[in-house]
Protein backbone atom coordinates (compact mmCIF):
# COMPACT_ATOMS: atom_id res chain seq x y z
CA MET A 1 5.35 142.46 4.12
CA MET A 2 8.50 144.50 3.59
CA TYR A 3 7.22 147.06 1.11
CA PRO A 4 4.05 146.55 -0.96
CA GLY A 5 5.76 147.67 -4.17
CA TYR A 6 8.60 145.22 -3.67
CA ASP A 7 6.23 142.37 -2.87
CA ALA A 8 4.18 143.17 -5.99
CA LEU A 9 7.31 143.24 -8.16
CA ALA A 10 8.53 139.98 -6.66
CA ALA A 11 5.15 138.43 -7.42
CA GLY A 12 5.23 139.76 -10.99
CA ASP A 13 2.20 142.01 -10.50
CA ALA A 14 3.18 145.12 -12.48
CA ALA A 15 -0.15 146.92 -11.98
CA LEU A 16 -0.02 146.51 -8.19
CA ALA A 17 3.64 147.58 -8.14
CA GLN A 18 2.79 150.73 -10.10
CA ALA A 19 -0.15 151.50 -7.79
CA ALA A 20 2.07 151.07 -4.73
CA ALA A 21 4.70 153.37 -6.24
CA LEU A 22 2.11 156.04 -7.00
CA MET A 23 0.75 155.85 -3.45
CA ARG A 24 4.27 156.23 -2.05
CA VAL A 25 4.96 159.27 -4.25
CA ASN A 26 1.63 160.81 -3.24
CA THR A 27 2.15 160.34 0.49
CA THR A 28 5.72 161.64 0.26
CA GLU A 29 4.57 164.70 -1.69
CA THR A 30 1.81 165.37 0.83
CA TRP A 31 4.27 165.11 3.73
CA LEU A 32 6.77 167.41 2.00
CA ARG A 33 4.12 170.04 1.18
CA ARG A 34 2.95 170.09 4.80
CA HIS A 35 6.52 170.34 6.07
CA LEU A 36 7.36 173.17 3.68
CA ALA A 37 4.17 175.02 4.63
CA HIS A 38 5.27 174.97 8.28
CA VAL A 39 8.74 176.17 7.32
CA ALA A 40 7.36 178.94 5.12
CA ALA A 41 5.07 180.10 7.92
CA ALA A 42 8.04 180.33 10.29
CA VAL A 43 10.27 182.34 7.93
CA PRO A 44 9.64 186.05 7.33
CA ASP A 45 8.64 186.91 3.78
CA VAL A 46 11.77 188.84 2.78
CA LEU A 47 12.72 186.95 -0.34
CA ASP A 48 11.86 187.69 -3.95
CA ASP A 49 9.74 185.39 -6.15
CA ARG A 50 12.72 183.16 -6.94
CA GLY A 51 13.07 182.17 -3.30
CA ASP A 52 16.51 183.63 -2.67
CA ASP A 53 18.00 187.01 -1.90
CA THR A 54 19.81 187.53 -5.21
CA GLU A 55 18.97 190.24 -7.69
CA PRO A 56 16.12 189.41 -10.10
CA LEU A 57 17.20 188.06 -13.46
CA SER A 58 17.32 190.46 -16.38
CA ASP A 59 15.13 189.88 -19.42
CA GLU A 60 18.16 190.52 -21.62
CA ALA A 61 20.24 187.64 -22.92
CA PRO A 62 23.70 187.40 -21.38
CA VAL A 63 26.63 188.63 -23.46
CA LEU A 64 29.14 185.86 -23.97
CA PRO A 65 32.85 186.68 -24.38
């Protein structure tokens, strides 16, 4: 079995292929959230809400030339 989603597609089983894809997305998202939580815990909280050190955006619309 190479990849369950591929095998399901090759067999023409759309429902199983979709389920395999959803499981892959879920496990990848879970891994990424855990990884980012560890990174966030290791970095001092010195950034604004946007996640960078730039000035906050103004509520005013930009003036175009």
